[in-house]
Each structure stands twice: as C-alpha cells, then as structure tokens.
C-alpha cells in the first residue's frame, strides 16, 4: 500500500489533516501516522479515506 498517496490526494483537495480527519471521522494524529507510513490503516479506515478523497481502494495499491 502506498500511504504517501493519501497525503498527496488530501493536499490536492486543499484540506488540512485536521479538516480531513474530522470529515472522515478519525483522529488527526492517526491520519498523520498513516500518511507518514508509521502504521497501516485497517480496511474500514482505508475505505473512509478513499471515500473522503473520492478515490477507489485500488488507487492506494
């Protein structure tokens, strides 16, 4: 999984980590860890992220 794409897609939308995390219902520090490759999100969280970014799951692999 390419978690760095999450940050790229989020930034293309002009959203801060805080705004995006609040929009999809996760903690900002958790999103930060995902974007920086420190942890891998579970499938449910990845689905929330993908929906929030208007992407499909395959865009992250």
PDB file of N, CA and C in Angstrom:
ATOM      1  N   UNK A   1       0.838  -1.169   0.000  1.00  0.00           N
ATOM      2  CA  UNK A   1       0.000   0.000   0.000  1.00  0.00           C
ATOM      3  C   UNK A   1       0.886   1.236   0.000  1.00  0.00           C
ATOM      4  N   UNK A   2       0.483   2.238  -0.739  1.00  0.00           N
ATOM      5  CA  UNK A   2       1.255   3.463  -0.845  1.00  0.00           C
ATOM      6  C   UNK A   2       0.555   4.571  -0.055  1.00  0.00           C
ATOM      7  N   UNK A   3       0.886   4.653   1.231  1.00  0.00           N
ATOM      8  CA  UNK A   3       0.206   5.620   2.097  1.00  0.00           C
ATOM      9  C   UNK A   3       0.580   7.058   1.774  1.00  0.00           C
ATOM     10  N   UNK A   4       1.717   7.279   1.107  1.00  0.00           N
ATOM     11  CA  UNK A   4       2.090   8.644   0.753  1.00  0.00           C
ATOM     12  C   UNK A   4       1.098   9.261  -0.233  1.00  0.00           C
ATOM     13  N   UNK A   5       0.382   8.412  -0.960  1.00  0.00           N
ATOM     14  CA  UNK A   5      -0.631   8.912  -1.874  1.00  0.00           C
ATOM     15  C   UNK A   5      -1.781   9.586  -1.124  1.00  0.00           C
ATOM     16  N   UNK A   6      -2.046   9.144   0.082  1.00  0.00           N
ATOM     17  CA  UNK A   6      -3.128   9.732   0.869  1.00  0.00           C
ATOM     18  C   UNK A   6      -2.844  11.216   1.090  1.00  0.00           C
ATOM     19  N   UNK A   7      -1.629  11.521   1.499  1.00  0.00           N
ATOM     20  CA  UNK A   7      -1.257  12.920   1.740  1.00  0.00           C
ATOM     21  C   UNK A   7      -1.345  13.717   0.445  1.00  0.00           C
ATOM     22  N   UNK A   8      -0.842  13.156  -0.639  1.00  0.00           N
ATOM     23  CA  UNK A   8      -0.878  13.842  -1.927  1.00  0.00           C
ATOM     24  C   UNK A   8      -2.314  14.164  -2.335  1.00  0.00           C
ATOM     25  N   UNK A   9      -3.189  13.169  -2.278  1.00  0.00           N
ATOM     26  CA  UNK A   9      -4.585  13.379  -2.666  1.00  0.00           C
ATOM     27  C   UNK A   9      -5.272  14.394  -1.742  1.00  0.00           C
ATOM     28  N   UNK A  10      -4.985  14.310  -0.445  1.00  0.00           N
ATOM     29  CA  UNK A  10      -5.588  15.246   0.511  1.00  0.00           C
ATOM     30  C   UNK A  10      -5.138  16.669   0.206  1.00  0.00           C
ATOM     31  N   UNK A  11      -3.858  16.834  -0.049  1.00  0.00           N
ATOM     32  CA  UNK A  11      -3.331  18.164  -0.340  1.00  0.00           C
ATOM     33  C   UNK A  11      -3.880  18.707  -1.657  1.00  0.00           C
ATOM     34  N   UNK A  12      -4.123  17.839  -2.619  1.00  0.00           N
ATOM     35  CA  UNK A  12      -4.726  18.272  -3.885  1.00  0.00           C
ATOM     36  C   UNK A  12      -6.126  18.837  -3.661  1.00  0.00           C
ATOM     37  N   UNK A  13      -6.794  18.353  -2.621  1.00  0.00           N
ATOM     38  CA  UNK A  13      -8.115  18.871  -2.271  1.00  0.00           C
ATOM     39  C   UNK A  13      -8.027  20.152  -1.435  1.00  0.00           C
ATOM     40  N   UNK A  14      -6.806  20.515  -1.033  1.00  0.00           N
ATOM     41  CA  UNK A  14      -6.606  21.720  -0.242  1.00  0.00           C
ATOM     42  C   UNK A  14      -7.077  21.588   1.189  1.00  0.00           C
ATOM     43  N   UNK A  15      -7.044  20.365   1.716  1.00  0.00           N
ATOM     44  CA  UNK A  15      -7.521  20.116   3.075  1.00  0.00           C
ATOM     45  C   UNK A  15      -6.366  19.897   4.034  1.00  0.00           C
ATOM     46  N   UNK A  16      -6.512  20.412   5.248  1.00  0.00           N
ATOM     47  CA  UNK A  16      -5.543  20.139   6.298  1.00  0.00           C
ATOM     48  C   UNK A  16      -5.798  18.741   6.839  1.00  0.00           C
ATOM     49  N   UNK A  17      -4.828  18.216   7.551  1.00  0.00           N
ATOM     50  CA  UNK A  17      -5.022  16.920   8.200  1.00  0.00           C
ATOM     51  C   UNK A  17      -6.202  16.991   9.159  1.00  0.00           C
ATOM     52  N   UNK A  18      -6.284  18.068   9.922  1.00  0.00           N
ATOM     53  CA  UNK A  18      -7.359  18.207  10.904  1.00  0.00           C
ATOM     54  C   UNK A  18      -8.722  18.206  10.228  1.00  0.00           C
ATOM     55  N   UNK A  19      -8.870  19.008   9.174  1.00  0.00           N
ATOM     56  CA  UNK A  19     -10.158  19.078   8.472  1.00  0.00           C
ATOM     57  C   UNK A  19     -10.531  17.738   7.858  1.00  0.00           C
ATOM     58  N   UNK A  20      -9.560  17.087   7.221  1.00  0.00           N
ATOM     59  CA  UNK A  20      -9.853  15.811   6.570  1.00  0.00           C
ATOM     60  C   UNK A  20     -10.182  14.734   7.598  1.00  0.00           C
ATOM     61  N   UNK A  21      -9.392  14.680   8.661  1.00  0.00           N
ATOM     62  CA  UNK A  21      -9.643  13.676   9.710  1.00  0.00           C
ATOM     63  C   UNK A  21     -11.025  13.869  10.318  1.00  0.00           C
ATOM     64  N   UNK A  22     -11.386  15.108  10.587  1.00  0.00           N
ATOM     65  CA  UNK A  22     -12.725  15.378  11.133  1.00  0.00           C
ATOM     66  C   UNK A  22     -13.812  14.975  10.148  1.00  0.00           C
ATOM     67  N   UNK A  23     -13.599  15.246   8.870  1.00  0.00           N
ATOM     68  CA  UNK A  23     -14.593  14.931   7.843  1.00  0.00           C
ATOM     69  C   UNK A  23     -14.863  13.428   7.762  1.00  0.00           C
ATOM     70  N   UNK A  24     -13.796  12.614   7.893  1.00  0.00           N
ATOM     71  CA  UNK A  24     -13.983  11.164   7.743  1.00  0.00           C
ATOM     72  C   UNK A  24     -14.144  10.445   9.078  1.00  0.00           C
ATOM     73  N   UNK A  25     -14.017  11.189  10.183  1.00  0.00           N
ATOM     74  CA  UNK A  25     -14.284  10.597  11.495  1.00  0.00           C
ATOM     75  C   UNK A  25     -13.144   9.813  12.112  1.00  0.00           C
ATOM     76  N   UNK A  26     -11.905  10.261  11.873  1.00  0.00           N
ATOM     77  CA  UNK A  26     -10.772   9.632  12.548  1.00  0.00           C
ATOM     78  C   UNK A  26      -9.956  10.712  13.248  1.00  0.00           C
ATOM     79  N   UNK A  27      -9.062  10.312  14.116  1.00  0.00           N
ATOM     80  CA  UNK A  27      -8.222  11.243  14.849  1.00  0.00           C
ATOM     81  C   UNK A  27      -7.110  11.781  13.943  1.00  0.00           C
ATOM     82  N   UNK A  28      -6.791  13.067  14.069  1.00  0.00           N
ATOM     83  CA  UNK A  28      -5.763  13.675  13.236  1.00  0.00           C
ATOM     84  C   UNK A  28      -4.403  13.009  13.431  1.00  0.00           C
ATOM     85  N   UNK A  29      -4.069  12.663  14.650  1.00  0.00           N
ATOM     86  CA  UNK A  29      -2.761  12.029  14.881  1.00  0.00           C
ATOM     87  C   UNK A  29      -2.695  10.650  14.220  1.00  0.00           C
ATOM     88  N   UNK A  30      -3.816   9.952  14.159  1.00  0.00           N
ATOM     89  CA  UNK A  30      -3.873   8.664  13.473  1.00  0.00           C
ATOM     90  C   UNK A  30      -3.653   8.867  11.971  1.00  0.00           C
ATOM     91  N   UNK A  31      -4.304   9.878  11.402  1.00  0.00           N
ATOM     92  CA  UNK A  31      -4.114  10.186   9.990  1.00  0.00           C
ATOM     93  C   UNK A  31      -2.662  10.542   9.715  1.00  0.00           C
ATOM     94  N   UNK A  32      -2.049  11.316  10.587  1.00  0.00           N
ATOM     95  CA  UNK A  32      -0.648  11.689  10.433  1.00  0.00           C
ATOM     96  C   UNK A  32       0.247  10.454  10.388  1.00  0.00           C
ATOM     97  N   UNK A  33       0.008   9.514  11.274  1.00  0.00           N
ATOM     98  CA  UNK A  33       0.801   8.285  11.297  1.00  0.00           C
ATOM     99  C   UNK A  33       0.607   7.471  10.022  1.00  0.00           C
ATOM    100  N   UNK A  34      -0.611   7.456   9.509  1.00  0.00           N
ATOM    101  CA  UNK A  34      -0.884   6.742   8.258  1.00  0.00           C
ATOM    102  C   UNK A  34      -0.141   7.413   7.112  1.00  0.00           C
ATOM    103  N   UNK A  35      -0.289   8.735   6.994  1.00  0.00           N
ATOM    104  CA  UNK A  35       0.336   9.462   5.890  1.00  0.00           C
ATOM    105  C   UNK A  35       1.863   9.340   5.915  1.00  0.00           C
ATOM    106  N   UNK A  36       2.433   9.219   7.080  1.00  0.00           N
ATOM    107  CA  UNK A  36       3.882   9.130   7.203  1.00  0.00           C
ATOM    108  C   UNK A  36       4.396   7.694   7.207  1.00  0.00           C
ATOM    109  N   UNK A  37       3.517   6.734   6.925  1.00  0.00           N
ATOM    110  CA  UNK A  37       3.919   5.344   6.788  1.00  0.00           C
ATOM    111  C   UNK A  37       4.300   4.656   8.082  1.00  0.00           C
ATOM    112  N   UNK A  38       3.926   5.238   9.217  1.00  0.00           N
ATOM    113  CA  UNK A  38       4.270   4.639  10.502  1.00  0.00           C
ATOM    114  C   UNK A  38       3.334   3.499  10.869  1.00  0.00           C
ATOM    115  N   UNK A  39       2.102   3.575  10.387  1.00  0.00           N
ATOM    116  CA  UNK A  39       1.137   2.495  10.604  1.00  0.00           C
ATOM    117  C   UNK A  39       0.329   2.297   9.326  1.00  0.00           C
ATOM    118  N   UNK A  40      -0.224   1.117   9.197  1.00  0.00           N
ATOM    119  CA  UNK A  40      -1.103   0.815   8.062  1.00  0.00           C
ATOM    120  C   UNK A  40      -2.544   0.816   8.549  1.00  0.00           C
ATOM    121  N   UNK A  41      -3.406   1.515   7.856  1.00  0.00           N
ATOM    122  CA  UNK A  41      -4.799   1.541   8.283  1.00  0.00           C
ATOM    123  C   UNK A  41      -5.493   0.217   8.007  1.00  0.00           C
ATOM    124  N   UNK A  42      -6.488  -0.076   8.813  1.00  0.00           N
ATOM    125  CA  UNK A  42      -7.327  -1.232   8.548  1.00  0.00           C
ATOM    126  C   UNK A  42      -8.219  -0.951   7.347  1.00  0.00           C
ATOM    127  N   UNK A  43      -8.867  -1.972   6.859  1.00  0.00           N
ATOM    128  CA  UNK A  43      -9.698  -1.830   5.658  1.00  0.00           C
ATOM    129  C   UNK A  43     -10.821  -0.818   5.863  1.00  0.00           C
ATOM    130  N   UNK A  44     -11.461  -0.812   7.021  1.00  0.00           N
ATOM    131  CA  UNK A  44     -12.559   0.124   7.266  1.00  0.00           C
ATOM    132  C   UNK A  44     -12.067   1.569   7.211  1.00  0.00           C
ATOM    133  N   UNK A  45     -10.904   1.814   7.799  1.00  0.00           N
ATOM    134  CA  UNK A  45     -10.346   3.167   7.780  1.00  0.00           C
ATOM    135  C   UNK A  45      -9.911   3.547   6.375  1.00  0.00           C
ATOM    136  N   UNK A  46      -9.298   2.629   5.660  1.00  0.00           N
ATOM    137  CA  UNK A  46      -8.887   2.912   4.293  1.00  0.00           C
ATOM    138  C   UNK A  46     -10.098   3.220   3.418  1.00  0.00           C
ATOM    139  N   UNK A  47     -11.188   2.537   3.643  1.00  0.00           N
ATOM    140  CA  UNK A  47     -12.413   2.828   2.889  1.00  0.00           C
ATOM    141  C   UNK A  47     -12.924   4.233   3.198  1.00  0.00           C
ATOM    142  N   UNK A  48     -12.866   4.646   4.464  1.00  0.00           N
ATOM    143  CA  UNK A  48     -13.265   6.017   4.831  1.00  0.00           C
ATOM    144  C   UNK A  48     -12.384   7.036   4.128  1.00  0.00           C
ATOM    145  N   UNK A  49     -11.088   6.771   4.132  1.00  0.00           N
ATOM    146  CA  UNK A  49     -10.144   7.679   3.486  1.00  0.00           C
ATOM    147  C   UNK A  49     -10.431   7.767   1.994  1.00  0.00           C
ATOM    148  N   UNK A  50     -10.596   6.623   1.355  1.00  0.00           N
ATOM    149  CA  UNK A  50     -10.860   6.594  -0.085  1.00  0.00           C
ATOM    150  C   UNK A  50     -12.141   7.356  -0.421  1.00  0.00           C
ATOM    151  N   UNK A  51     -13.205   7.120   0.342  1.00  0.00           N
ATOM    152  CA  UNK A  51     -14.464   7.848   0.099  1.00  0.00           C
ATOM    153  C   UNK A  51     -14.263   9.345   0.273  1.00  0.00           C
ATOM    154  N   UNK A  52     -13.549   9.726   1.322  1.00  0.00           N
ATOM    155  CA  UNK A  52     -13.312  11.139   1.581  1.00  0.00           C
ATOM    156  C   UNK A  52     -12.502  11.823   0.495  1.00  0.00           C
ATOM    157  N   UNK A  53     -11.650  11.063  -0.164  1.00  0.00           N
ATOM    158  CA  UNK A  53     -10.818  11.599  -1.234  1.00  0.00           C
ATOM    159  C   UNK A  53     -11.427  11.397  -2.620  1.00  0.00           C
ATOM    160  N   UNK A  54     -12.591  10.784  -2.671  1.00  0.00           N
ATOM    161  CA  UNK A  54     -13.255  10.457  -3.953  1.00  0.00           C
ATOM    162  C   UNK A  54     -12.365   9.568  -4.823  1.00  0.00           C
ATOM    163  N   UNK A  55     -11.747   8.585  -4.172  1.00  0.00           N
ATOM    164  CA  UNK A  55     -10.874   7.638  -4.864  1.00  0.00           C
ATOM    165  C   UNK A  55     -11.388   6.227  -4.615  1.00  0.00           C
ATOM    166  N   UNK A  56     -10.894   5.286  -5.406  1.00  0.00           N
ATOM    167  CA  UNK A  56     -11.206   3.885  -5.151  1.00  0.00           C
ATOM    168  C   UNK A  56     -10.051   3.282  -4.370  1.00  0.00           C
ATOM    169  N   UNK A  57     -10.301   2.150  -3.732  1.00  0.00           N
ATOM    170  CA  UNK A  57      -9.251   1.491  -2.972  1.00  0.00           C
ATOM    171  C   UNK A  57      -8.043   1.143  -3.831  1.00  0.00           C
ATOM    172  N   UNK A  58      -8.277   0.820  -5.086  1.00  0.00           N
ATOM    173  CA  UNK A  58      -7.159   0.442  -5.955  1.00  0.00           C
ATOM    174  C   UNK A  58      -6.177   1.583  -6.192  1.00  0.00           C
ATOM    175  N   UNK A  59      -6.603   2.831  -5.953  1.00  0.00           N
ATOM    176  CA  UNK A  59      -5.707   3.974  -6.121  1.00  0.00           C
ATOM    177  C   UNK A  59      -4.587   3.995  -5.084  1.00  0.00           C
ATOM    178  N   UNK A  60      -4.709   3.184  -4.039  1.00  0.00           N
ATOM    179  CA  UNK A  60      -3.712   3.177  -2.968  1.00  0.00           C
ATOM    180  C   UNK A  60      -2.788   1.972  -3.033  1.00  0.00           C
ATOM    181  N   UNK A  61      -2.918   1.164  -4.085  1.00  0.00           N
ATOM    182  CA  UNK A  61      -2.089  -0.026  -4.227  1.00  0.00           C
ATOM    183  C   UNK A  61      -1.306   0.012  -5.518  1.00  0.00           C
TER     184      UNK A  61
END
